[in-house]
Amino acid sequence: MKSVVAVLLSFCLALSVHAQQTITSRGTGEWNLPSTWDKNRVPADNDIVVVQSGHEVQVSKNISLRNLTLRVIGVLRPGVGVTMNFNASSVINVISGGRIESAQANAGTAIFIGTDAKYRGNKVFNQNWGAGTLLGLAYATSSTGNIDQSGAGFFLGNPPATWQELRVFVTPEEQVQLIWVTSHETSARSFRIQRSQNAQSWQEIGVIESTGNMSAQNIYSFVDNAPGSGTFFYRLLEYTPDGLYKVSAVRSARIQQGSFTQKIFPNPSRHSAQMLFPALTSTAVLQVFNMEGRLVLNRILQKGAVGTQLDLSAWPAGTYIIQVSLEEGALSQQKLVKY
């Protein structure tokens, strides 16, 4: 399990380096001045940029940034003819009470995500607002339309969760770990994890409840303990309170095992250890020997079992051999250290 934690920590560290640096406005000021921001630098690629409530950030020069998450709680005011260009992986979220508003209604004032225009200073986003005024709640991603092509540009109202990442890892214990990142979770209720061996027929293997936090990126993790050997496909279904759902991208993981492989963790251990293995195709015998060859434990494992718990509390400190024998003759051995 330590390696699973290590994978999660390394993933979180990668996010903190590449996607989790939050830079927040100090007050009203110019986007391109370091003094406007709490980190004493201007926003950069992979930042989470927050324009705080009561602050107004003016943009007087064109900017181009990648993988940006922009949260407008105060006012973002692009200057006349200024363009803000973000790549297709970027997200803009205008929180309730926030607004994007150009200095004057001007078609050259624009915000792009990828090649699509999401905002223009001469466009009307709501019949009750003037041209160039966009009020929160609103959000834009690469898929929310193009304001130049009879699209909305921004989605107005409570947004669903926005998928920003889904990764699948095979751990050293030959488990499969899913880690996913979302933001803007106002309408997400739960995430259901599904597995398939052909990417067509799906089996639900777990449910994770949503945090419902729309103002931050949320990191989730799920471990599929013993899927077996071969290639497995995974996807997530995000359910909303009204029972609707949307499906994530499909990810795959390949596990290559011998005829039988057992995993024991934590190892070394003091009080107890967990054994995991592919679902048994027949009855098996679990035996534990000390280094003198004396039998310490003899246990029958039933067909279909995928693991068992070992109570080490009465064992003297030392090294033990864990042996599993199947009816068809497959044999697996591994050392376990009790301290």
Protein backbone atom coordinates (compact mmCIF):
# COMPACT_ATOMS: atom_id res chain seq x y z
CA MET A 1 0.00 0.00 0.00
CA LYS A 2 2.93 2.30 0.58
CA SER A 3 3.65 2.28 -3.14
CA VAL A 4 0.03 3.20 -3.88
CA VAL A 5 0.37 6.17 -1.55
CA ALA A 6 3.67 7.03 -3.19
CA VAL A 7 2.04 6.99 -6.63
CA LEU A 8 -0.73 9.29 -5.40
CA LEU A 9 1.73 11.62 -3.72
CA SER A 10 3.91 11.77 -6.82
CA PHE A 11 0.86 12.50 -8.93
CA CYS A 12 -0.24 15.25 -6.55
CA LEU A 13 3.30 16.64 -6.59
CA ALA A 14 3.25 16.67 -10.36
CA LEU A 15 -0.02 18.56 -10.24
CA SER A 16 1.41 21.04 -7.78
CA VAL A 17 4.34 21.64 -10.10
CA HIS A 18 2.47 21.65 -13.39
CA ALA A 19 -1.15 22.51 -12.66
CA GLN A 20 -1.68 23.47 -9.06
CA GLN A 21 0.23 26.70 -8.61
CA THR A 22 -2.41 29.18 -7.47
CA ILE A 23 -1.76 32.87 -8.06
CA THR A 24 -4.24 35.31 -6.51
CA SER A 25 -4.90 39.00 -7.06
CA ARG A 26 -3.81 41.36 -4.27
CA GLY A 27 -6.19 44.14 -5.29
CA THR A 28 -7.12 46.20 -8.30
CA GLY A 29 -4.28 46.27 -10.80
CA GLU A 30 -2.86 45.39 -14.20
CA TRP A 31 -2.58 41.71 -15.25
CA ASN A 32 0.96 42.16 -16.56
CA LEU A 33 2.35 43.75 -13.38
CA PRO A 34 3.90 41.41 -10.76
CA SER A 35 2.66 43.71 -8.01
CA THR A 36 -0.94 42.76 -8.85
CA TRP A 37 -0.38 39.16 -7.75
CA ASP A 38 0.45 37.52 -4.44
CA LYS A 39 3.40 35.58 -5.89
CA ASN A 40 5.08 38.77 -7.15
CA ARG A 41 4.99 37.50 -10.73
CA VAL A 42 2.52 37.57 -13.58
CA PRO A 43 0.40 34.48 -14.33
CA ALA A 44 2.18 31.72 -16.25
CA ASP A 45 1.35 28.45 -18.00
CA ASN A 46 -0.33 25.81 -15.77
CA ASP A 47 -1.41 28.35 -13.14
CA ILE A 48 -4.71 28.58 -11.32
CA VAL A 49 -5.38 32.32 -11.54
CA VAL A 50 -7.88 33.79 -9.08
CA VAL A 51 -9.29 37.31 -9.41
CA GLN A 52 -10.59 37.86 -5.89
CA SER A 53 -13.92 39.39 -4.89
CA GLY A 54 -13.74 43.19 -4.74
CA HIS A 55 -10.67 43.27 -7.02
CA GLU A 56 -10.55 44.45 -10.63
CA VAL A 57 -7.79 43.17 -12.90
CA GLN A 58 -7.28 45.06 -16.14
CA VAL A 59 -5.68 43.45 -19.19
CA SER A 60 -4.01 46.05 -21.42
CA LYS A 61 -1.76 43.74 -23.47
CA ASN A 62 -2.45 40.56 -25.39
CA ILE A 63 -1.65 37.41 -23.43
CA SER A 64 -1.19 33.78 -24.47
CA LEU A 65 -1.10 31.01 -21.85
CA ARG A 66 -1.46 27.23 -21.71
CA ASN A 67 -3.30 24.88 -19.33
CA LEU A 68 -4.74 27.76 -17.32
CA THR A 69 -7.59 27.61 -14.82
CA LEU A 70 -8.99 31.14 -14.48
CA ARG A 71 -11.44 31.87 -11.66
CA VAL A 72 -13.08 35.28 -11.73
CA ILE A 73 -14.70 36.17 -8.40
CA GLY A 74 -14.15 39.91 -8.85
CA VAL A 75 -13.89 41.74 -12.18
CA LEU A 76 -11.71 40.90 -15.18
CA ARG A 77 -11.59 43.83 -17.61
CA PRO A 78 -9.86 43.24 -20.97
CA GLY A 79 -8.87 46.48 -22.68
CA VAL A 80 -10.07 47.64 -26.10
CA GLY A 81 -8.81 45.28 -28.82
CA VAL A 82 -6.99 43.06 -26.32
CA THR A 83 -7.10 39.29 -26.79
CA MET A 84 -6.55 36.62 -24.15
CA ASN A 85 -5.55 33.31 -25.75
CA PHE A 86 -5.65 30.05 -23.79
CA ASN A 87 -5.07 26.56 -25.16
CA ALA A 88 -7.78 23.90 -25.38
CA SER A 89 -6.92 22.41 -21.96
CA SER A 90 -7.78 25.64 -20.16
CA VAL A 91 -10.89 26.40 -18.10
CA ILE A 92 -12.52 29.73 -17.23
CA ASN A 93 -14.93 29.90 -14.31
CA VAL A 94 -16.82 33.08 -13.44
CA ILE A 95 -18.09 32.60 -9.89
CA SER A 96 -21.38 34.07 -8.72
CA GLY A 97 -20.77 37.79 -8.20
CA GLY A 98 -17.85 37.81 -10.64
CA ARG A 99 -17.84 39.39 -14.09
CA ILE A 100 -15.87 39.78 -17.28
CA GLU A 101 -16.45 43.16 -18.86
CA SER A 102 -14.61 45.00 -21.62
CA ALA A 103 -13.70 48.67 -21.38
CA GLN A 104 -16.17 49.31 -24.17
CA ALA A 105 -18.17 47.21 -26.63
CA ASN A 106 -15.48 46.26 -29.12
CA ALA A 107 -15.32 43.19 -31.37
CA GLY A 108 -11.53 43.10 -31.13
CA THR A 109 -11.69 42.49 -27.37
CA ALA A 110 -11.81 38.70 -27.11
CA ILE A 111 -10.99 35.61 -25.08
CA PHE A 112 -10.15 32.35 -26.86
CA ILE A 113 -9.89 28.78 -25.64
CA GLY A 114 -8.15 26.88 -28.40
CA THR A 115 -9.38 28.30 -31.70
CA ASP A 116 -12.87 29.10 -30.41
CA ALA A 117 -13.89 32.59 -29.30
CA LYS A 118 -15.55 32.39 -25.88
CA TYR A 119 -15.94 36.10 -25.25
CA ARG A 120 -16.13 39.23 -27.44
CA GLY A 121 -16.65 42.79 -26.31
CA ASN A 122 -19.49 43.38 -28.76
CA LYS A 123 -21.48 40.23 -27.97
CA VAL A 124 -24.57 39.97 -25.76
CA PHE A 125 -24.41 36.92 -23.50
CA ASN A 126 -27.80 37.50 -21.88
CA GLN A 127 -30.67 39.68 -23.03
CA ASN A 128 -30.69 41.45 -19.68
CA TRP A 129 -27.02 42.50 -19.92
CA GLY A 130 -25.27 45.01 -22.13
CA ALA A 131 -22.81 44.06 -24.87
CA GLY A 132 -19.48 42.80 -23.56
CA THR A 133 -20.81 41.98 -20.07
CA LEU A 134 -20.58 38.42 -18.77
CA LEU A 135 -21.80 37.67 -15.24
CA GLY A 136 -21.27 34.56 -13.13
CA LEU A 137 -22.22 31.81 -12.66
CA ALA A 138 -20.60 30.96 -15.98
CA TYR A 139 -17.83 28.76 -17.27
CA ALA A 140 -16.06 27.99 -20.51
CA THR A 141 -14.03 25.03 -21.71
CA SER A 142 -12.96 23.92 -25.18
CA SER A 143 -16.40 22.33 -25.66
CA THR A 144 -18.81 25.10 -24.56
CA GLY A 145 -19.23 26.65 -28.01
CA ASN A 146 -17.94 29.48 -30.17
CA ILE A 147 -19.49 32.90 -29.67
CA ASP A 148 -18.66 33.73 -33.31
CA GLN A 149 -20.61 30.75 -34.68
CA SER A 150 -24.01 31.15 -33.07
CA GLY A 151 -22.71 29.40 -29.98
CA ALA A 152 -22.87 30.43 -26.36
CA GLY A 153 -19.13 30.64 -25.77
CA PHE A 154 -19.79 30.38 -22.04
CA PHE A 155 -22.19 28.05 -20.28
CA LEU A 156 -24.36 30.19 -18.00
CA GLY A 157 -25.58 28.78 -14.70
CA ASN A 158 -24.53 25.86 -12.50
CA PRO A 159 -21.91 23.87 -14.39
CA PRO A 160 -21.44 20.12 -14.22
CA ALA A 161 -18.10 18.76 -13.06
CA THR A 162 -15.35 19.51 -15.56
CA TRP A 163 -13.01 16.61 -16.20
CA GLN A 164 -9.43 17.78 -16.21
CA GLU A 165 -7.53 14.52 -15.78
CA LEU A 166 -8.02 10.76 -15.58
CA ARG A 167 -5.01 8.49 -15.19
CA VAL A 168 -4.59 4.77 -14.63
CA PHE A 169 -1.52 3.20 -13.03
CA VAL A 170 -0.44 -0.40 -12.47
CA THR A 171 1.13 -0.49 -9.01
CA PRO A 172 4.03 -2.76 -7.99
CA GLU A 173 1.43 -4.95 -6.24
CA GLU A 174 -0.21 -5.40 -9.67
CA GLN A 175 -3.25 -3.48 -8.57
CA VAL A 176 -4.77 -0.85 -10.83
CA GLN A 177 -5.11 2.65 -9.40
CA LEU A 178 -7.32 5.30 -10.96
CA ILE A 179 -6.68 8.96 -10.17
CA TRP A 180 -8.90 11.67 -11.56
CA VAL A 181 -9.12 15.42 -11.20
CA THR A 182 -12.25 17.55 -11.57
CA SER A 183 -13.33 21.11 -10.95
CA HIS A 184 -16.67 22.98 -10.81
CA GLU A 185 -18.59 20.20 -9.05
CA THR A 186 -21.82 22.01 -8.20
CA SER A 187 -24.01 19.32 -9.78
CA ALA A 188 -21.90 16.18 -9.39
CA ARG A 189 -23.20 13.64 -6.86
CA SER A 190 -21.03 10.56 -7.28
CA PHE A 191 -18.52 8.84 -9.53
CA ARG A 192 -19.08 5.19 -10.40
CA ILE A 193 -16.03 3.22 -11.45
CA GLN A 194 -16.49 0.62 -14.17
CA ARG A 195 -14.15 -2.06 -15.54
CA SER A 196 -14.25 -4.04 -18.78
CA GLN A 197 -12.13 -6.61 -20.57
CA ASN A 198 -13.38 -5.67 -24.04
CA ALA A 199 -14.33 -1.96 -23.67
CA GLN A 200 -17.94 -2.94 -24.46
CA SER A 201 -19.39 -4.85 -21.51
CA TRP A 202 -18.87 -2.93 -18.26
CA GLN A 203 -18.95 -3.98 -14.61
CA GLU A 204 -19.32 -1.49 -11.76
CA ILE A 205 -16.54 -2.03 -9.22
CA GLY A 206 -16.88 0.98 -6.90
CA VAL A 207 -18.53 4.30 -6.08
CA ILE A 208 -16.86 7.49 -4.84
CA GLU A 209 -19.00 10.35 -3.54
CA SER A 210 -18.36 13.82 -4.95
CA THR A 211 -17.01 16.52 -2.66
CA GLY A 212 -19.29 19.05 -4.39
CA ASN A 213 -16.53 21.66 -4.25
CA MET A 214 -16.70 23.98 -7.26
CA SER A 215 -14.04 26.47 -6.16
CA ALA A 216 -11.07 24.10 -6.22
CA GLN A 217 -9.59 21.21 -8.12
CA ASN A 218 -10.57 17.91 -6.54
CA ILE A 219 -8.33 14.82 -6.64
CA TYR A 220 -9.92 11.38 -6.31
CA SER A 221 -8.36 7.93 -6.11
CA PHE A 222 -9.68 4.38 -6.41
CA VAL A 223 -7.74 1.09 -6.30
CA ASP A 224 -8.87 -2.04 -8.12
CA ASN A 225 -7.18 -4.61 -5.89
CA ALA A 226 -6.99 -7.77 -7.98
CA PRO A 227 -8.37 -7.56 -11.51
CA GLY A 228 -6.29 -10.54 -12.70
CA SER A 229 -4.04 -10.86 -15.73
CA GLY A 230 -4.50 -9.19 -19.10
CA THR A 231 -5.66 -5.83 -20.44
CA PHE A 232 -8.41 -4.04 -18.55
CA PHE A 233 -10.39 -0.94 -19.50
CA TYR A 234 -11.70 1.62 -17.02
CA ARG A 235 -14.13 4.51 -17.16
CA LEU A 236 -16.04 6.75 -14.75
CA LEU A 237 -19.69 7.71 -14.75
CA GLU A 238 -20.43 11.05 -13.11
CA TYR A 239 -23.97 11.06 -11.73
CA THR A 240 -25.95 14.20 -10.89
CA PRO A 241 -28.70 14.38 -8.22
CA ASP A 242 -31.41 14.08 -10.90
CA GLY A 243 -30.03 10.71 -12.02
CA LEU A 244 -28.38 11.89 -15.22
CA TYR A 245 -24.77 11.00 -15.89
CA LYS A 246 -21.91 11.60 -18.27
CA VAL A 247 -19.07 9.24 -19.10
CA SER A 248 -15.35 9.92 -18.85
CA ALA A 249 -12.73 8.91 -21.37
CA VAL A 250 -11.75 5.24 -21.34
CA ARG A 251 -8.30 4.31 -20.02
CA SER A 252 -6.57 0.92 -20.14
CA ALA A 253 -4.04 -0.96 -18.02
CA ARG A 254 -2.19 -4.19 -18.79
CA ILE A 255 -1.17 -6.61 -16.05
CA GLN A 256 1.26 -9.37 -16.97
CA GLN A 257 1.35 -12.18 -14.44
CA GLY A 258 2.68 -15.71 -14.29
CA SER A 259 0.44 -18.67 -13.59
CA PHE A 260 -0.10 -17.28 -10.11
CA THR A 261 1.27 -14.19 -8.37
CA GLN A 262 0.60 -13.15 -4.79
CA LYS A 263 1.19 -9.72 -3.31
CA ILE A 264 1.69 -8.97 0.38
CA PHE A 265 1.56 -5.52 1.95
CA PRO A 266 2.70 -3.85 4.03
CA ASN A 267 5.96 -5.77 3.97
CA PRO A 268 7.75 -5.56 6.41
CA SER A 269 4.84 -5.48 8.84
CA ARG A 270 4.34 -5.64 12.59
CA HIS A 271 0.71 -6.45 13.37
CA SER A 272 -1.04 -7.65 10.19
CA ALA A 273 -0.56 -7.99 6.45
CA GLN A 274 -2.92 -8.22 3.51
CA MET A 275 -2.45 -10.82 0.77
CA LEU A 276 -3.88 -10.17 -2.70
CA PHE A 277 -3.91 -12.49 -5.69
CA PRO A 278 -5.98 -13.12 -8.85
CA ALA A 279 -9.31 -14.83 -8.22
CA LEU A 280 -8.55 -18.46 -7.39
CA THR A 281 -9.65 -20.92 -10.06
CA SER A 282 -9.71 -23.75 -7.50
CA THR A 283 -9.33 -24.40 -3.79
CA ALA A 284 -5.82 -23.50 -2.58
CA VAL A 285 -3.67 -24.10 0.49
CA LEU A 286 -1.89 -21.22 2.23
CA GLN A 287 1.09 -22.24 4.35
CA VAL A 288 3.54 -20.09 6.31
CA PHE A 289 6.95 -21.37 7.35
CA ASN A 290 9.61 -19.76 9.51
CA MET A 291 13.26 -19.79 8.41
CA GLU A 292 13.80 -23.07 10.28
CA GLY A 293 11.18 -24.75 8.10
CA ARG A 294 8.57 -25.03 10.86
CA LEU A 295 4.95 -24.67 9.79
CA VAL A 296 3.44 -21.55 11.42
CA LEU A 297 0.09 -21.35 9.60
CA ASN A 298 -1.99 -23.70 7.44
CA ARG A 299 -5.16 -22.27 5.86
CA ILE A 300 -7.58 -23.38 3.14
CA LEU A 301 -8.47 -20.70 0.58
CA GLN A 302 -11.77 -21.14 -1.24
CA LYS A 303 -12.26 -20.95 -5.00
CA GLY A 304 -12.90 -17.39 -6.12
CA ALA A 305 -11.01 -15.79 -3.21
CA VAL A 306 -8.93 -12.74 -4.12
CA GLY A 307 -7.14 -12.18 -0.83
CA THR A 308 -6.78 -12.96 2.84
CA GLN A 309 -5.65 -11.22 6.01
CA LEU A 310 -2.67 -12.42 8.06
CA ASP A 311 -2.59 -11.75 11.80
CA LEU A 312 1.10 -11.43 12.75
CA SER A 313 0.64 -10.30 16.34
CA ALA A 314 1.63 -13.69 17.87
CA TRP A 315 4.52 -14.36 15.47
CA PRO A 316 8.09 -13.74 16.68
CA ALA A 317 10.03 -11.13 14.75
CA GLY A 318 11.80 -12.64 11.76
CA THR A 319 11.47 -13.68 8.13
CA TYR A 320 8.72 -16.06 6.95
CA ILE A 321 7.99 -17.89 3.69
CA ILE A 322 4.41 -17.49 2.46
CA GLN A 323 3.45 -20.34 0.13
CA VAL A 324 0.22 -20.80 -1.83
CA SER A 325 -0.48 -24.11 -3.61
CA LEU A 326 -3.34 -24.56 -6.09
CA GLU A 327 -5.04 -27.84 -7.02
CA GLU A 328 -3.77 -27.56 -10.60
CA GLY A 329 -0.21 -27.49 -9.28
CA ALA A 330 0.61 -23.77 -9.51
CA LEU A 331 2.84 -22.68 -6.63
CA SER A 332 3.81 -19.22 -5.43
CA GLN A 333 6.25 -18.29 -2.67
CA GLN A 334 7.17 -14.94 -1.17
CA LYS A 335 9.04 -13.70 1.87
CA LEU A 336 7.37 -11.66 4.61
CA VAL A 337 9.32 -9.83 7.29
CA LYS A 338 7.74 -9.44 10.75
CA TYR A 339 9.37 -6.79 12.97
